[in-house]
Every structure is written in structure tokens, then in C-alpha cells.
Amino acid sequence: MGTGADAVQPGPTVLDVLALEEIDRDLYRSTLLFTDPFPLYGGQVAAQALLAAGRTVDADRLPHSLHGYFLRSGDAARPTVFRVDRDRDGGSFSARRVVAIQGGEVVFSMSASFHLPGPGPDQQVQEVPAVDLPDGLPVFELPRLFSVEGRRPPQPFPDGHWPTRFWARSTAPLPGDRLVHACVLTYLSDIGTGLSALPDDEAAPGPSLDHAVWFHRHAPLDDWVLMDMVPRTVAGGRGWYTGSITTAGGLLAASFTQETLFRPGRNPFRPGR
């Protein structure tokens, strides 16, 4: 565990984000409420939805993929209710669907699959990005994330208005439950955008539309992981990018992809424009 996990935690932590109240079978409610000038952060509702789904499967079945759709803007100052549907429990896989509800309307929907890990080869084809380790790198503030710190290495797209590559870890000690670490990874996975590397003279990225994560290997999220995002394409008013999360030891922990609206006009998040 990194030294940042030993720091005193002021205010809420990521574990407070993941504190869900069970109000009935397969029905959960978030408990952390706070004022936020922006719509409900997508990584928060996705992480909570994955945790709700994970509570309905056997503890030895771990998430291996999720696919979520952002349908409406949510509000962090009001609770979110999560309803889980148990689609199937097979010999080694469990499938779940989750809807996140505020004010009687679905703000987010997710399909998630859980797997009982079995024996087999463990191979990694793609090389780890050549990047400096986090110790000694400049601090990178990760907005909207509770108890998560960042470090910023040199960027593959230095002209981008938002870093597409950074180190991150939870400064709050996390329990040994691998489901919790997968949820914290999900919480982190939505904070950046690979589309920030694209020129914004004619169009700019907007709200997220959908998000998918594949979990390959366990990664302790209270130790450093590298988040690396790559822009892929913009077409039809939508932009799409892919990303990876790698441990400091060089293991590919997860892959993810996201599509966002991409509309004509200046990027409102780019400073000095």
C-alpha cells in the first residue's frame, strides 16, 4: 500500500461514496449527499451501480465487464436508488442489470457480468506505456473525486486541454474486498477524456453517452495505477476514445472505452479561450 493511504482523511472518502443502504431485496440507496455545481459525476453512479449489482452475486464471483448508459443528468445533493435485476446465475457467470433512479426517472442504466475466476494462461501482449513512475512527479488535482490523489507525467498529447495520462490512487485505505477495488477503479475510469487531445477549433467534447470497462486483473486501488487514454475518432456528432489502467508493476488491470457528444463550438473547459 502506498504512503498516501496512511494520510488523515479530511471530509468524505471514496468509501463514503460506496456506502449504500439496502432498502429491500435488490434495492439500494446512496447515502452520501453533497452540493455539486455540475451534474452527478458519471463515475460515481457507475461505481455505486456496480457495487449494488455485486452485492447480489456470490462473493467469489468478481466483475469482469460493465456497460453503462448515461441517460439523464443526476443531482449529487439527492439520493440515488439502484434497482438490480438478476438476469442469470450460471455455473461460473452471473449477469445483472441495474437502473439508477432519481425523482422517479432513470438517470443511468448498466449491464454487468461477474465471473468465478478459473485456471488458464495469463498473458499480456501490449507493452506498458513508457512513463515515469509517480514518485517525484508533479501533483495533479483530480476534481470531483473524493480521497483520490494524482501525479502527472509528461503527456503524449502536450497540447491537450486535459491530461490523457496520469497516475492515481486512493488515499483512503481500502478493505481487501476485490469488489470494492473494482468499484473504485470504475469511479476513477470516467474522470478524464481522451478527446481532450483533439483540436477544438470547430467542435468540442460534451456530456458522456456511454461507458464500458473490462476488468482483466486485480489492482489494489490504494496503490498507484496509471490511467492512459487514446482518442480514436469523431463522427456523427459523437467522439470515441479508449483507455487502459495499469499497475505500477506493469500489469494491465482494466481496459475501458467511452463515447461522448461532440458538438460544434469552442470547448468551454479549455482555459484561456
C-alpha atoms as a PDB file:
ATOM      1  CA  MET A   1       0.000   0.000   0.000  1.00  0.00           C
ATOM      2  CA  GLY A   2       1.322   3.469  -0.863  1.00  0.00           C
ATOM      3  CA  THR A   3       2.201   6.025   1.768  1.00  0.00           C
ATOM      4  CA  GLY A   4      -0.673   8.259   0.648  1.00  0.00           C
ATOM      5  CA  ALA A   5      -3.075   5.704   2.111  1.00  0.00           C
ATOM      6  CA  ASP A   6      -1.732   6.490   5.591  1.00  0.00           C
ATOM      7  CA  ALA A   7      -2.720  10.160   5.455  1.00  0.00           C
ATOM      8  CA  VAL A   8      -5.513  11.552   7.632  1.00  0.00           C
ATOM      9  CA  GLN A   9      -8.670  11.825   5.548  1.00  0.00           C
ATOM     10  CA  PRO A  10     -10.470  15.178   5.774  1.00  0.00           C
ATOM     11  CA  GLY A  11     -14.108  15.024   4.764  1.00  0.00           C
ATOM     12  CA  PRO A  12     -15.749  12.216   2.786  1.00  0.00           C
ATOM     13  CA  THR A  13     -13.734   9.418   1.190  1.00  0.00           C
ATOM     14  CA  VAL A  14     -14.373   7.100  -1.708  1.00  0.00           C
ATOM     15  CA  LEU A  15     -15.669   4.574   0.831  1.00  0.00           C
ATOM     16  CA  ASP A  16     -18.379   7.083   1.770  1.00  0.00           C
ATOM     17  CA  VAL A  17     -19.293   7.245  -1.920  1.00  0.00           C
ATOM     18  CA  LEU A  18     -19.693   3.461  -1.880  1.00  0.00           C
ATOM     19  CA  ALA A  19     -21.812   3.382   1.289  1.00  0.00           C
ATOM     20  CA  LEU A  20     -25.150   2.024   0.049  1.00  0.00           C
ATOM     21  CA  GLU A  21     -28.216   1.374   2.196  1.00  0.00           C
ATOM     22  CA  GLU A  22     -30.152  -1.807   1.419  1.00  0.00           C
ATOM     23  CA  ILE A  23     -33.809  -0.802   1.489  1.00  0.00           C
ATOM     24  CA  ASP A  24     -35.246  -4.080   0.140  1.00  0.00           C
ATOM     25  CA  ARG A  25     -34.102  -7.149  -1.753  1.00  0.00           C
ATOM     26  CA  ASP A  26     -32.121  -5.975  -4.820  1.00  0.00           C
ATOM     27  CA  LEU A  27     -32.911  -2.336  -3.954  1.00  0.00           C
ATOM     28  CA  TYR A  28     -30.256   0.065  -2.648  1.00  0.00           C
ATOM     29  CA  ARG A  29     -29.908   3.779  -1.954  1.00  0.00           C
ATOM     30  CA  SER A  30     -26.855   6.029  -1.848  1.00  0.00           C
ATOM     31  CA  THR A  31     -26.154   7.778   1.469  1.00  0.00           C
ATOM     32  CA  LEU A  32     -23.517  10.427   0.647  1.00  0.00           C
ATOM     33  CA  LEU A  33     -25.132  13.731  -0.318  1.00  0.00           C
ATOM     34  CA  PHE A  34     -23.226  16.898  -1.184  1.00  0.00           C
ATOM     35  CA  THR A  35     -23.621  20.067  -3.207  1.00  0.00           C
ATOM     36  CA  ASP A  36     -22.033  19.953  -6.651  1.00  0.00           C
ATOM     37  CA  PRO A  37     -22.395  22.699  -9.300  1.00  0.00           C
ATOM     38  CA  PHE A  38     -22.220  20.064 -12.061  1.00  0.00           C
ATOM     39  CA  PRO A  39     -24.485  17.131 -12.929  1.00  0.00           C
ATOM     40  CA  LEU A  40     -23.948  13.929 -10.975  1.00  0.00           C
ATOM     41  CA  TYR A  41     -20.479  12.580 -11.815  1.00  0.00           C
ATOM     42  CA  GLY A  42     -20.848   9.542 -14.047  1.00  0.00           C
ATOM     43  CA  GLY A  43     -18.043   7.585 -12.389  1.00  0.00           C
ATOM     44  CA  GLN A  44     -19.823   7.904  -9.058  1.00  0.00           C
ATOM     45  CA  VAL A  45     -23.154   6.499 -10.217  1.00  0.00           C
ATOM     46  CA  ALA A  46     -21.407   3.754 -12.237  1.00  0.00           C
ATOM     47  CA  ALA A  47     -19.312   2.679  -9.238  1.00  0.00           C
ATOM     48  CA  GLN A  48     -22.386   2.609  -6.997  1.00  0.00           C
ATOM     49  CA  ALA A  49     -24.364   0.637  -9.571  1.00  0.00           C
ATOM     50  CA  LEU A  50     -21.571  -1.938  -9.848  1.00  0.00           C
ATOM     51  CA  LEU A  51     -21.459  -2.287  -6.071  1.00  0.00           C
ATOM     52  CA  ALA A  52     -25.244  -2.778  -5.910  1.00  0.00           C
ATOM     53  CA  ALA A  53     -25.025  -5.477  -8.578  1.00  0.00           C
ATOM     54  CA  GLY A  54     -22.070  -7.128  -6.854  1.00  0.00           C
ATOM     55  CA  ARG A  55     -23.991  -7.427  -3.617  1.00  0.00           C
ATOM     56  CA  THR A  56     -26.464  -9.764  -5.322  1.00  0.00           C
ATOM     57  CA  VAL A  57     -23.903 -12.356  -6.514  1.00  0.00           C
ATOM     58  CA  ASP A  58     -21.734 -14.851  -4.655  1.00  0.00           C
ATOM     59  CA  ALA A  59     -18.692 -13.221  -3.078  1.00  0.00           C
ATOM     60  CA  ASP A  60     -16.259 -15.325  -5.125  1.00  0.00           C
ATOM     61  CA  ARG A  61     -17.688 -14.008  -8.411  1.00  0.00           C
ATOM     62  CA  LEU A  62     -15.892 -10.834  -9.460  1.00  0.00           C
ATOM     63  CA  PRO A  63     -16.908  -8.238 -12.084  1.00  0.00           C
ATOM     64  CA  HIS A  64     -15.296  -8.817 -15.448  1.00  0.00           C
ATOM     65  CA  SER A  65     -17.200  -6.245 -17.515  1.00  0.00           C
ATOM     66  CA  LEU A  66     -19.776  -3.483 -17.345  1.00  0.00           C
ATOM     67  CA  HIS A  67     -21.594  -1.454 -19.972  1.00  0.00           C
ATOM     68  CA  GLY A  68     -23.395   1.697 -18.859  1.00  0.00           C
ATOM     69  CA  TYR A  69     -25.505   4.415 -20.471  1.00  0.00           C
ATOM     70  CA  PHE A  70     -25.868   7.950 -19.115  1.00  0.00           C
ATOM     71  CA  LEU A  71     -29.498   8.865 -19.750  1.00  0.00           C
ATOM     72  CA  ARG A  72     -30.223  11.995 -17.712  1.00  0.00           C
ATOM     73  CA  SER A  73     -28.352  14.497 -15.568  1.00  0.00           C
ATOM     74  CA  GLY A  74     -28.388  13.496 -11.917  1.00  0.00           C
ATOM     75  CA  ASP A  75     -28.000  15.539  -8.739  1.00  0.00           C
ATOM     76  CA  ALA A  76     -25.354  14.719  -6.116  1.00  0.00           C
ATOM     77  CA  ALA A  77     -27.422  16.519  -3.471  1.00  0.00           C
ATOM     78  CA  ARG A  78     -30.211  13.939  -3.587  1.00  0.00           C
ATOM     79  CA  PRO A  79     -30.047  10.153  -3.040  1.00  0.00           C
ATOM     80  CA  THR A  80     -29.945   7.734  -5.944  1.00  0.00           C
ATOM     81  CA  VAL A  81     -31.924   4.484  -5.807  1.00  0.00           C
ATOM     82  CA  PHE A  82     -30.431   1.414  -7.512  1.00  0.00           C
ATOM     83  CA  ARG A  83     -32.661  -1.448  -8.634  1.00  0.00           C
ATOM     84  CA  VAL A  84     -30.925  -4.705  -9.580  1.00  0.00           C
ATOM     85  CA  ASP A  85     -32.404  -7.357 -11.887  1.00  0.00           C
ATOM     86  CA  ARG A  86     -30.886 -10.838 -11.608  1.00  0.00           C
ATOM     87  CA  ASP A  87     -30.811 -11.907 -15.245  1.00  0.00           C
ATOM     88  CA  ARG A  88     -28.925 -15.181 -14.817  1.00  0.00           C
ATOM     89  CA  ASP A  89     -26.732 -17.196 -12.462  1.00  0.00           C
ATOM     90  CA  GLY A  90     -24.865 -19.912 -14.330  1.00  0.00           C
ATOM     91  CA  GLY A  91     -22.129 -22.320 -13.369  1.00  0.00           C
ATOM     92  CA  SER A  92     -19.425 -19.640 -13.366  1.00  0.00           C
ATOM     93  CA  PHE A  93     -21.060 -16.419 -14.637  1.00  0.00           C
ATOM     94  CA  SER A  94     -23.700 -14.112 -13.186  1.00  0.00           C
ATOM     95  CA  ALA A  95     -25.432 -11.394 -15.221  1.00  0.00           C
ATOM     96  CA  ARG A  96     -27.080  -8.353 -13.692  1.00  0.00           C
ATOM     97  CA  ARG A  97     -28.886  -5.241 -14.898  1.00  0.00           C
ATOM     98  CA  VAL A  98     -29.064  -2.083 -12.783  1.00  0.00           C
ATOM     99  CA  VAL A  99     -31.014   1.133 -13.147  1.00  0.00           C
ATOM    100  CA  ALA A 100     -30.161   4.240 -11.131  1.00  0.00           C
ATOM    101  CA  ILE A 101     -33.228   6.347 -10.334  1.00  0.00           C
ATOM    102  CA  GLN A 102     -33.721   9.901  -9.124  1.00  0.00           C
ATOM    103  CA  GLY A 103     -37.098  11.585  -8.907  1.00  0.00           C
ATOM    104  CA  GLY A 104     -38.800   8.578 -10.474  1.00  0.00           C
ATOM    105  CA  GLU A 105     -36.651   8.753 -13.630  1.00  0.00           C
ATOM    106  CA  VAL A 106     -33.757   6.568 -14.749  1.00  0.00           C
ATOM    107  CA  VAL A 107     -30.547   8.592 -14.887  1.00  0.00           C
ATOM    108  CA  PHE A 108     -28.204   5.664 -15.633  1.00  0.00           C
ATOM    109  CA  SER A 109     -28.534   2.041 -16.703  1.00  0.00           C
ATOM    110  CA  MET A 110     -25.916  -0.707 -16.603  1.00  0.00           C
ATOM    111  CA  SER A 111     -25.387  -4.320 -17.582  1.00  0.00           C
ATOM    112  CA  ALA A 112     -22.687  -6.041 -15.544  1.00  0.00           C
ATOM    113  CA  SER A 113     -21.257  -9.545 -15.662  1.00  0.00           C
ATOM    114  CA  PHE A 114     -19.473 -11.422 -12.887  1.00  0.00           C
ATOM    115  CA  HIS A 115     -17.200 -14.441 -13.237  1.00  0.00           C
ATOM    116  CA  LEU A 116     -15.789 -17.102 -10.958  1.00  0.00           C
ATOM    117  CA  PRO A 117     -12.096 -16.956 -11.965  1.00  0.00           C
ATOM    118  CA  GLY A 118     -10.615 -20.215 -13.176  1.00  0.00           C
ATOM    119  CA  PRO A 119      -7.202 -21.576 -14.189  1.00  0.00           C
ATOM    120  CA  GLY A 120      -5.710 -20.615 -17.544  1.00  0.00           C
ATOM    121  CA  PRO A 121      -2.913 -18.691 -19.243  1.00  0.00           C
ATOM    122  CA  ASP A 122      -2.047 -15.169 -18.123  1.00  0.00           C
ATOM    123  CA  GLN A 123      -0.505 -13.251 -20.995  1.00  0.00           C
ATOM    124  CA  GLN A 124      -0.174  -9.570 -21.793  1.00  0.00           C
ATOM    125  CA  VAL A 125       0.564  -8.598 -25.381  1.00  0.00           C
ATOM    126  CA  GLN A 126       0.669  -4.814 -25.368  1.00  0.00           C
ATOM    127  CA  GLU A 127       3.636  -3.071 -23.828  1.00  0.00           C
ATOM    128  CA  VAL A 128       3.108  -0.816 -20.830  1.00  0.00           C
ATOM    129  CA  PRO A 129       3.350   2.885 -21.790  1.00  0.00           C
ATOM    130  CA  ALA A 130       6.864   4.216 -21.272  1.00  0.00           C
ATOM    131  CA  VAL A 131       6.216   6.638 -18.434  1.00  0.00           C
ATOM    132  CA  ASP A 132       7.985   7.906 -15.307  1.00  0.00           C
ATOM    133  CA  LEU A 133       6.903   6.358 -12.022  1.00  0.00           C
ATOM    134  CA  PRO A 134       4.763   8.629  -9.807  1.00  0.00           C
ATOM    135  CA  ASP A 135       7.326   9.421  -7.103  1.00  0.00           C
ATOM    136  CA  GLY A 136       8.729  12.871  -7.824  1.00  0.00           C
ATOM    137  CA  LEU A 137       6.172  13.800 -10.484  1.00  0.00           C
ATOM    138  CA  PRO A 138       4.052  16.979 -10.185  1.00  0.00           C
ATOM    139  CA  VAL A 139       0.828  16.694  -8.221  1.00  0.00           C
ATOM    140  CA  PHE A 140      -2.246  16.505 -10.439  1.00  0.00           C
ATOM    141  CA  GLU A 141      -5.523  17.510  -8.801  1.00  0.00           C
ATOM    142  CA  LEU A 142      -8.359  15.161  -9.757  1.00  0.00           C
ATOM    143  CA  PRO A 143     -11.568  17.191  -9.471  1.00  0.00           C
ATOM    144  CA  ARG A 144     -14.775  15.649  -8.146  1.00  0.00           C
ATOM    145  CA  LEU A 145     -13.016  12.560  -6.758  1.00  0.00           C
ATOM    146  CA  PHE A 146     -13.064  12.058  -3.003  1.00  0.00           C
ATOM    147  CA  SER A 147      -9.775  10.863  -1.436  1.00  0.00           C
ATOM    148  CA  VAL A 148      -8.036  10.191  -4.764  1.00  0.00           C
ATOM    149  CA  GLU A 149      -4.665  11.803  -5.491  1.00  0.00           C
ATOM    150  CA  GLY A 150      -2.890  12.132  -8.825  1.00  0.00           C
ATOM    151  CA  ARG A 151       0.541  12.629 -10.378  1.00  0.00           C
ATOM    152  CA  ARG A 152       1.129  13.988 -13.869  1.00  0.00           C
ATOM    153  CA  PRO A 153       3.877  12.539 -16.092  1.00  0.00           C
ATOM    154  CA  PRO A 154       4.905  14.060 -19.465  1.00  0.00           C
ATOM    155  CA  GLN A 155       1.967  13.913 -21.856  1.00  0.00           C
ATOM    156  CA  PRO A 156       1.679  12.072 -25.173  1.00  0.00           C
ATOM    157  CA  PHE A 157      -0.554  14.959 -26.340  1.00  0.00           C
ATOM    158  CA  PRO A 158       1.072  18.016 -24.720  1.00  0.00           C
ATOM    159  CA  ASP A 159      -1.314  20.479 -26.407  1.00  0.00           C
ATOM    160  CA  GLY A 160      -4.422  18.831 -24.995  1.00  0.00           C
ATOM    161  CA  HIS A 161      -6.511  20.892 -22.574  1.00  0.00           C
ATOM    162  CA  TRP A 162      -6.757  17.945 -20.129  1.00  0.00           C
ATOM    163  CA  PRO A 163      -4.126  15.272 -19.394  1.00  0.00           C
ATOM    164  CA  THR A 164      -4.766  11.960 -21.103  1.00  0.00           C
ATOM    165  CA  ARG A 165      -2.193  10.129 -18.954  1.00  0.00           C
ATOM    166  CA  PHE A 166      -1.833  10.314 -15.169  1.00  0.00           C
ATOM    167  CA  TRP A 167      -1.180   8.253 -12.053  1.00  0.00           C
ATOM    168  CA  ALA A 168      -3.873   7.949  -9.390  1.00  0.00           C
ATOM    169  CA  ARG A 169      -4.543   6.152  -6.105  1.00  0.00           C
ATOM    170  CA  SER A 170      -6.964   6.248  -3.220  1.00  0.00           C
ATOM    171  CA  THR A 171      -5.519   7.997  -0.184  1.00  0.00           C
ATOM    172  CA  ALA A 172      -8.110   6.234   1.971  1.00  0.00           C
ATOM    173  CA  PRO A 173      -7.106   2.676   2.957  1.00  0.00           C
ATOM    174  CA  LEU A 174      -9.361   0.196   1.177  1.00  0.00           C
ATOM    175  CA  PRO A 175     -10.570  -3.169   2.507  1.00  0.00           C
ATOM    176  CA  GLY A 176      -9.399  -6.421   0.982  1.00  0.00           C
ATOM    177  CA  ASP A 177     -12.735  -6.923  -0.825  1.00  0.00           C
ATOM    178  CA  ARG A 178     -11.892  -7.076  -4.542  1.00  0.00           C
ATOM    179  CA  LEU A 179     -15.374  -5.857  -5.462  1.00  0.00           C
ATOM    180  CA  VAL A 180     -14.625  -2.588  -3.643  1.00  0.00           C
ATOM    181  CA  HIS A 181     -11.374  -2.149  -5.599  1.00  0.00           C
ATOM    182  CA  ALA A 182     -13.232  -2.787  -8.877  1.00  0.00           C
ATOM    183  CA  CYS A 183     -15.775  -0.139  -7.886  1.00  0.00           C
ATOM    184  CA  VAL A 184     -13.033   2.384  -7.068  1.00  0.00           C
ATOM    185  CA  LEU A 185     -11.439   1.626 -10.444  1.00  0.00           C
ATOM    186  CA  THR A 186     -14.803   2.328 -12.075  1.00  0.00           C
ATOM    187  CA  TYR A 187     -15.096   5.567 -10.075  1.00  0.00           C
ATOM    188  CA  LEU A 188     -11.720   6.644 -11.468  1.00  0.00           C
ATOM    189  CA  SER A 189     -12.243   5.448 -15.036  1.00  0.00           C
ATOM    190  CA  ASP A 190     -14.701   8.204 -16.003  1.00  0.00           C
ATOM    191  CA  ILE A 191     -12.753  11.215 -14.709  1.00  0.00           C
ATOM    192  CA  GLY A 192     -10.779  12.009 -17.876  1.00  0.00           C
ATOM    193  CA  THR A 193     -11.369  12.125 -21.599  1.00  0.00           C
ATOM    194  CA  GLY A 194      -9.123  11.059 -24.428  1.00  0.00           C
ATOM    195  CA  LEU A 195     -10.919  13.561 -26.644  1.00  0.00           C
ATOM    196  CA  SER A 196      -9.181  16.459 -24.884  1.00  0.00           C
ATOM    197  CA  ALA A 197      -6.218  15.771 -27.179  1.00  0.00           C
ATOM    198  CA  LEU A 198      -8.226  16.741 -30.275  1.00  0.00           C
ATOM    199  CA  PRO A 199      -8.232  20.310 -31.652  1.00  0.00           C
ATOM    200  CA  ASP A 200     -11.286  22.246 -30.519  1.00  0.00           C
ATOM    201  CA  ASP A 201     -11.405  24.996 -33.125  1.00  0.00           C
ATOM    202  CA  GLU A 202     -14.566  23.587 -34.702  1.00  0.00           C
ATOM    203  CA  ALA A 203     -16.015  21.202 -32.131  1.00  0.00           C
ATOM    204  CA  ALA A 204     -15.577  20.153 -28.526  1.00  0.00           C
ATOM    205  CA  PRO A 205     -16.421  17.143 -26.323  1.00  0.00           C
ATOM    206  CA  GLY A 206     -19.588  17.346 -24.266  1.00  0.00           C
ATOM    207  CA  PRO A 207     -21.520  15.025 -21.926  1.00  0.00           C
ATOM    208  CA  SER A 208     -20.744  11.314 -21.779  1.00  0.00           C
ATOM    209  CA  LEU A 209     -23.135   8.975 -23.562  1.00  0.00           C
ATOM    210  CA  ASP A 210     -21.918   5.525 -22.603  1.00  0.00           C
ATOM    211  CA  HIS A 211     -19.028   3.859 -20.808  1.00  0.00           C
ATOM    212  CA  ALA A 212     -17.674   0.309 -20.705  1.00  0.00           C
ATOM    213  CA  VAL A 213     -14.986  -1.330 -18.560  1.00  0.00           C
ATOM    214  CA  TRP A 214     -13.336  -4.759 -18.799  1.00  0.00           C
ATOM    215  CA  PHE A 215     -11.554  -5.984 -15.678  1.00  0.00           C
ATOM    216  CA  HIS A 216      -8.561  -8.182 -16.555  1.00  0.00           C
ATOM    217  CA  ARG A 217      -6.572  -8.469 -13.320  1.00  0.00           C
ATOM    218  CA  HIS A 218      -6.900  -7.349  -9.723  1.00  0.00           C
ATOM    219  CA  ALA A 219      -5.282  -3.989  -8.963  1.00  0.00           C
ATOM    220  CA  PRO A 220      -5.166  -2.515  -5.447  1.00  0.00           C
ATOM    221  CA  LEU A 221      -6.580   0.972  -5.918  1.00  0.00           C
ATOM    222  CA  ASP A 222      -4.914   2.280  -2.756  1.00  0.00           C
ATOM    223  CA  ASP A 223      -1.656   1.879  -4.671  1.00  0.00           C
ATOM    224  CA  TRP A 224      -0.666   3.745  -7.823  1.00  0.00           C
ATOM    225  CA  VAL A 225      -2.300   2.904 -11.147  1.00  0.00           C
ATOM    226  CA  LEU A 226      -1.663   4.582 -14.495  1.00  0.00           C
ATOM    227  CA  MET A 227      -4.670   5.828 -16.445  1.00  0.00           C
ATOM    228  CA  ASP A 228      -3.915   6.230 -20.165  1.00  0.00           C
ATOM    229  CA  MET A 229      -6.461   7.441 -22.722  1.00  0.00           C
ATOM    230  CA  VAL A 230      -6.202   7.480 -26.522  1.00  0.00           C
ATOM    231  CA  PRO A 231      -8.512   9.440 -28.864  1.00  0.00           C
ATOM    232  CA  ARG A 232      -9.874   7.313 -31.703  1.00  0.00           C
ATOM    233  CA  THR A 233     -12.491   9.026 -33.833  1.00  0.00           C
ATOM    234  CA  VAL A 234     -15.140  11.748 -34.091  1.00  0.00           C
ATOM    235  CA  ALA A 235     -18.128  11.302 -36.389  1.00  0.00           C
ATOM    236  CA  GLY A 236     -21.848  11.992 -36.444  1.00  0.00           C
ATOM    237  CA  GLY A 237     -21.701  14.386 -33.502  1.00  0.00           C
ATOM    238  CA  ARG A 238     -20.047  11.777 -31.245  1.00  0.00           C
ATOM    239  CA  GLY A 239     -16.458  11.223 -30.157  1.00  0.00           C
ATOM    240  CA  TRP A 240     -14.979   7.894 -29.048  1.00  0.00           C
ATOM    241  CA  TYR A 241     -11.813   7.043 -27.147  1.00  0.00           C
ATOM    242  CA  THR A 242     -10.261   4.033 -25.459  1.00  0.00           C
ATOM    243  CA  GLY A 243      -8.167   3.715 -22.326  1.00  0.00           C
ATOM    244  CA  SER A 244      -6.282   1.399 -20.026  1.00  0.00           C
ATOM    245  CA  ILE A 245      -5.477   1.194 -16.325  1.00  0.00           C
ATOM    246  CA  THR A 246      -2.104  -0.361 -15.481  1.00  0.00           C
ATOM    247  CA  THR A 247      -0.465  -1.085 -12.143  1.00  0.00           C
ATOM    248  CA  ALA A 248       2.876   0.433 -11.178  1.00  0.00           C
ATOM    249  CA  GLY A 249       4.302  -3.061 -11.664  1.00  0.00           C
ATOM    250  CA  GLY A 250       3.263  -3.065 -15.319  1.00  0.00           C
ATOM    251  CA  LEU A 251       0.160  -5.297 -15.219  1.00  0.00           C
ATOM    252  CA  LEU A 252      -2.826  -4.348 -17.375  1.00  0.00           C
ATOM    253  CA  ALA A 253      -5.626  -4.228 -14.818  1.00  0.00           C
ATOM    254  CA  ALA A 254      -8.511  -2.934 -16.940  1.00  0.00           C
ATOM    255  CA  SER A 255      -9.481  -1.544 -20.328  1.00  0.00           C
ATOM    256  CA  PHE A 256     -12.258   0.936 -20.920  1.00  0.00           C
ATOM    257  CA  THR A 257     -13.915   2.916 -23.665  1.00  0.00           C
ATOM    258  CA  GLN A 258     -16.277   5.874 -23.753  1.00  0.00           C
ATOM    259  CA  GLU A 259     -18.383   7.796 -26.240  1.00  0.00           C
ATOM    260  CA  THR A 260     -19.372  11.429 -25.718  1.00  0.00           C
ATOM    261  CA  LEU A 261     -21.318  14.078 -27.527  1.00  0.00           C
ATOM    262  CA  PHE A 262     -19.069  16.158 -29.766  1.00  0.00           C
ATOM    263  CA  ARG A 263     -20.734  19.378 -30.826  1.00  0.00           C
ATOM    264  CA  PRO A 264     -19.662  22.392 -32.911  1.00  0.00           C
ATOM    265  CA  GLY A 265     -18.324  25.287 -30.889  1.00  0.00           C
ATOM    266  CA  ARG A 266     -15.474  26.259 -28.570  1.00  0.00           C
ATOM    267  CA  ASN A 267     -14.580  23.873 -25.783  1.00  0.00           C
ATOM    268  CA  PRO A 268     -15.962  25.517 -22.623  1.00  0.00           C
ATOM    269  CA  PHE A 269     -13.472  23.665 -20.405  1.00  0.00           C
ATOM    270  CA  ARG A 270     -10.343  24.866 -22.169  1.00  0.00           C
ATOM    271  CA  PRO A 271      -8.740  27.705 -20.157  1.00  0.00           C
ATOM    272  CA  GLY A 272      -7.865  30.999 -21.778  1.00  0.00           C
ATOM    273  CA  ARG A 273     -10.128  30.564 -24.783  1.00  0.00           C
END
